[in-house]
Amino acid sequence: MPTNVRLPNLGAEATEALVASWLKGVGDAVMQGEAIAEIETEKATVVLEAPVAGRLVEILVPAGEEAAVGAVVAVIADD
């Protein structure tokens, strides 16, 4: 079953953040808790971790684009 990867709440004032880079690409296997992207806010750069193990099957927000907190940025499917 596919799992949506959502942009987490990164602070009380942040309503959106920049997807700075993807550390994994479509088709790559990921482990739960593994860093898959770098996210930038005005105050910090943080790592977005895979919520589940599986395969990254879709990136919905490319590097260099912003997304709202809670938005689905990628999809991970079971292997």
N, C-alpha and C. Protein backbone atom coordinates (compact mmCIF):
# COMPACT_ATOMS: atom_id res chain seq x y z
N MET A 1 0.85 -1.18 0.00
CA MET A 1 0.00 0.00 0.00
C MET A 1 0.89 1.24 0.00
N PRO A 2 0.62 2.20 -0.86
CA PRO A 2 1.43 3.42 -0.91
C PRO A 2 1.25 4.28 0.35
N THR A 3 2.34 4.95 0.73
CA THR A 3 2.32 5.86 1.86
C THR A 3 2.69 7.25 1.38
N ASN A 4 1.85 8.22 1.67
CA ASN A 4 2.15 9.60 1.33
C ASN A 4 3.18 10.16 2.30
N VAL A 5 4.19 10.84 1.75
CA VAL A 5 5.19 11.51 2.56
C VAL A 5 4.79 12.98 2.61
N ARG A 6 4.49 13.47 3.79
CA ARG A 6 4.01 14.85 3.94
C ARG A 6 5.09 15.75 4.52
N LEU A 7 5.04 17.01 4.13
CA LEU A 7 5.95 18.00 4.69
C LEU A 7 5.54 18.22 6.14
N PRO A 8 6.45 17.96 7.08
CA PRO A 8 6.07 18.09 8.50
C PRO A 8 5.97 19.55 8.94
N ASN A 9 5.33 19.75 10.07
CA ASN A 9 5.27 21.07 10.68
C ASN A 9 6.66 21.36 11.25
N LEU A 10 7.30 22.38 10.75
CA LEU A 10 8.68 22.67 11.11
C LEU A 10 8.81 23.82 12.10
N GLY A 11 7.71 24.29 12.62
CA GLY A 11 7.75 25.37 13.61
C GLY A 11 6.45 26.14 13.56
N ALA A 12 6.17 26.84 14.64
CA ALA A 12 4.90 27.54 14.79
C ALA A 12 4.67 28.58 13.70
N GLU A 13 5.73 29.21 13.22
CA GLU A 13 5.58 30.28 12.24
C GLU A 13 5.64 29.79 10.80
N ALA A 14 6.20 28.62 10.57
CA ALA A 14 6.38 28.13 9.20
C ALA A 14 5.08 27.57 8.64
N THR A 15 4.65 28.10 7.51
CA THR A 15 3.46 27.58 6.84
C THR A 15 3.83 26.86 5.55
N GLU A 16 5.09 27.08 5.08
CA GLU A 16 5.59 26.37 3.92
C GLU A 16 7.11 26.31 4.02
N ALA A 17 7.69 25.46 3.19
CA ALA A 17 9.14 25.28 3.19
C ALA A 17 9.61 24.90 1.79
N LEU A 18 10.89 25.11 1.55
CA LEU A 18 11.50 24.80 0.27
C LEU A 18 12.07 23.39 0.30
N VAL A 19 11.75 22.60 -0.72
CA VAL A 19 12.41 21.31 -0.89
C VAL A 19 13.75 21.63 -1.55
N ALA A 20 14.82 21.65 -0.75
CA ALA A 20 16.13 22.07 -1.25
C ALA A 20 16.73 21.01 -2.17
N SER A 21 16.65 19.75 -1.76
CA SER A 21 17.19 18.68 -2.59
C SER A 21 16.58 17.34 -2.19
N TRP A 22 16.54 16.44 -3.15
CA TRP A 22 16.14 15.07 -2.89
C TRP A 22 17.40 14.24 -2.76
N LEU A 23 17.51 13.49 -1.67
CA LEU A 23 18.66 12.64 -1.43
C LEU A 23 18.46 11.25 -2.02
N LYS A 24 17.22 10.94 -2.34
CA LYS A 24 16.84 9.68 -2.99
C LYS A 24 16.06 10.02 -4.25
N GLY A 25 16.13 9.14 -5.23
CA GLY A 25 15.41 9.35 -6.47
C GLY A 25 14.29 8.34 -6.64
N VAL A 26 13.43 8.59 -7.61
CA VAL A 26 12.34 7.67 -7.91
C VAL A 26 12.94 6.30 -8.26
N GLY A 27 12.39 5.28 -7.63
CA GLY A 27 12.86 3.92 -7.83
C GLY A 27 13.83 3.44 -6.76
N ASP A 28 14.36 4.37 -5.97
CA ASP A 28 15.31 3.99 -4.92
C ASP A 28 14.60 3.34 -3.73
N ALA A 29 15.24 2.32 -3.17
CA ALA A 29 14.75 1.70 -1.94
C ALA A 29 15.09 2.62 -0.77
N VAL A 30 14.17 2.72 0.19
CA VAL A 30 14.40 3.54 1.38
C VAL A 30 14.05 2.73 2.63
N MET A 31 14.74 3.03 3.69
CA MET A 31 14.46 2.42 4.99
C MET A 31 13.70 3.42 5.85
N GLN A 32 12.86 2.95 6.74
CA GLN A 32 12.15 3.84 7.64
C GLN A 32 13.17 4.66 8.44
N GLY A 33 12.97 5.96 8.49
CA GLY A 33 13.86 6.85 9.22
C GLY A 33 15.04 7.35 8.42
N GLU A 34 15.22 6.84 7.20
CA GLU A 34 16.33 7.27 6.35
C GLU A 34 16.05 8.65 5.76
N ALA A 35 17.09 9.47 5.66
CA ALA A 35 16.95 10.80 5.07
C ALA A 35 16.66 10.67 3.59
N ILE A 36 15.58 11.33 3.13
CA ILE A 36 15.24 11.27 1.71
C ILE A 36 15.27 12.64 1.04
N ALA A 37 15.22 13.72 1.83
CA ALA A 37 15.25 15.07 1.26
C ALA A 37 15.75 16.06 2.29
N GLU A 38 16.21 17.21 1.79
CA GLU A 38 16.57 18.33 2.66
C GLU A 38 15.53 19.41 2.46
N ILE A 39 15.03 19.93 3.58
CA ILE A 39 13.98 20.94 3.58
C ILE A 39 14.52 22.20 4.24
N GLU A 40 14.28 23.36 3.61
CA GLU A 40 14.76 24.63 4.15
C GLU A 40 13.60 25.52 4.53
N THR A 41 13.74 26.13 5.71
CA THR A 41 12.84 27.20 6.12
C THR A 41 13.69 28.45 6.27
N GLU A 42 13.08 29.54 6.67
CA GLU A 42 13.85 30.77 6.88
C GLU A 42 14.88 30.60 7.99
N LYS A 43 14.61 29.71 8.92
CA LYS A 43 15.47 29.59 10.09
C LYS A 43 16.40 28.38 10.10
N ALA A 44 16.10 27.34 9.32
CA ALA A 44 16.90 26.12 9.44
C ALA A 44 16.76 25.24 8.20
N THR A 45 17.73 24.35 8.06
CA THR A 45 17.66 23.28 7.07
C THR A 45 17.53 21.97 7.84
N VAL A 46 16.52 21.18 7.50
CA VAL A 46 16.29 19.92 8.21
C VAL A 46 16.19 18.79 7.19
N VAL A 47 16.33 17.59 7.69
CA VAL A 47 16.24 16.39 6.85
C VAL A 47 14.83 15.83 6.97
N LEU A 48 14.26 15.48 5.83
CA LEU A 48 12.97 14.79 5.79
C LEU A 48 13.25 13.31 5.77
N GLU A 49 12.68 12.58 6.73
CA GLU A 49 12.93 11.14 6.84
C GLU A 49 11.77 10.34 6.26
N ALA A 50 12.09 9.17 5.73
CA ALA A 50 11.06 8.27 5.22
C ALA A 50 10.22 7.75 6.38
N PRO A 51 8.89 7.87 6.29
CA PRO A 51 8.04 7.39 7.39
C PRO A 51 7.91 5.87 7.42
N VAL A 52 8.20 5.22 6.30
CA VAL A 52 8.11 3.77 6.18
C VAL A 52 9.22 3.26 5.26
N ALA A 53 9.47 1.97 5.32
CA ALA A 53 10.41 1.34 4.38
C ALA A 53 9.67 0.99 3.10
N GLY A 54 10.37 1.03 1.98
CA GLY A 54 9.77 0.67 0.71
C GLY A 54 10.58 1.24 -0.43
N ARG A 55 9.89 1.63 -1.48
CA ARG A 55 10.54 2.19 -2.66
C ARG A 55 9.89 3.54 -2.96
N LEU A 56 10.72 4.56 -3.20
CA LEU A 56 10.23 5.89 -3.55
C LEU A 56 9.69 5.81 -4.98
N VAL A 57 8.38 5.94 -5.12
CA VAL A 57 7.77 5.73 -6.44
C VAL A 57 7.34 7.03 -7.12
N GLU A 58 7.26 8.12 -6.35
CA GLU A 58 6.85 9.38 -6.96
C GLU A 58 7.34 10.55 -6.12
N ILE A 59 7.86 11.57 -6.80
CA ILE A 59 8.22 12.84 -6.17
C ILE A 59 7.25 13.87 -6.72
N LEU A 60 6.45 14.45 -5.84
CA LEU A 60 5.41 15.39 -6.27
C LEU A 60 5.87 16.84 -6.21
N VAL A 61 6.87 17.14 -5.40
CA VAL A 61 7.40 18.50 -5.30
C VAL A 61 8.88 18.43 -5.63
N PRO A 62 9.27 18.91 -6.80
CA PRO A 62 10.68 18.84 -7.20
C PRO A 62 11.57 19.73 -6.35
N ALA A 63 12.85 19.43 -6.34
CA ALA A 63 13.82 20.28 -5.65
C ALA A 63 13.73 21.69 -6.22
N GLY A 64 13.82 22.66 -5.31
CA GLY A 64 13.74 24.06 -5.72
C GLY A 64 12.35 24.65 -5.63
N GLU A 65 11.36 23.81 -5.31
CA GLU A 65 9.99 24.31 -5.19
C GLU A 65 9.54 24.29 -3.73
N GLU A 66 8.59 25.16 -3.41
CA GLU A 66 8.05 25.22 -2.05
C GLU A 66 6.78 24.39 -1.95
N ALA A 67 6.52 23.94 -0.73
CA ALA A 67 5.29 23.19 -0.44
C ALA A 67 4.74 23.66 0.90
N ALA A 68 3.44 23.56 1.05
CA ALA A 68 2.79 23.92 2.30
C ALA A 68 3.00 22.82 3.33
N VAL A 69 3.03 23.22 4.59
CA VAL A 69 3.10 22.24 5.67
C VAL A 69 1.91 21.29 5.54
N GLY A 70 2.17 20.01 5.61
CA GLY A 70 1.14 18.99 5.48
C GLY A 70 0.91 18.51 4.06
N ALA A 71 1.50 19.19 3.08
CA ALA A 71 1.33 18.78 1.68
C ALA A 71 2.08 17.47 1.40
N VAL A 72 1.53 16.66 0.52
CA VAL A 72 2.19 15.43 0.11
C VAL A 72 3.30 15.80 -0.87
N VAL A 73 4.53 15.43 -0.52
CA VAL A 73 5.68 15.77 -1.37
C VAL A 73 6.22 14.56 -2.13
N ALA A 74 5.89 13.36 -1.67
CA ALA A 74 6.37 12.14 -2.32
C ALA A 74 5.49 10.96 -1.91
N VAL A 75 5.71 9.83 -2.60
CA VAL A 75 4.96 8.61 -2.29
C VAL A 75 5.95 7.46 -2.20
N ILE A 76 5.81 6.65 -1.15
CA ILE A 76 6.62 5.44 -0.96
C ILE A 76 5.67 4.24 -1.01
N ALA A 77 6.05 3.23 -1.81
CA ALA A 77 5.26 2.02 -1.91
C ALA A 77 6.02 0.85 -1.30
N ASP A 78 5.26 -0.15 -0.85
CA ASP A 78 5.87 -1.37 -0.34
C ASP A 78 6.66 -2.03 -1.45
N ASP A 79 7.76 -2.68 -1.07
CA ASP A 79 8.55 -3.42 -2.08
C ASP A 79 7.80 -4.64 -2.55
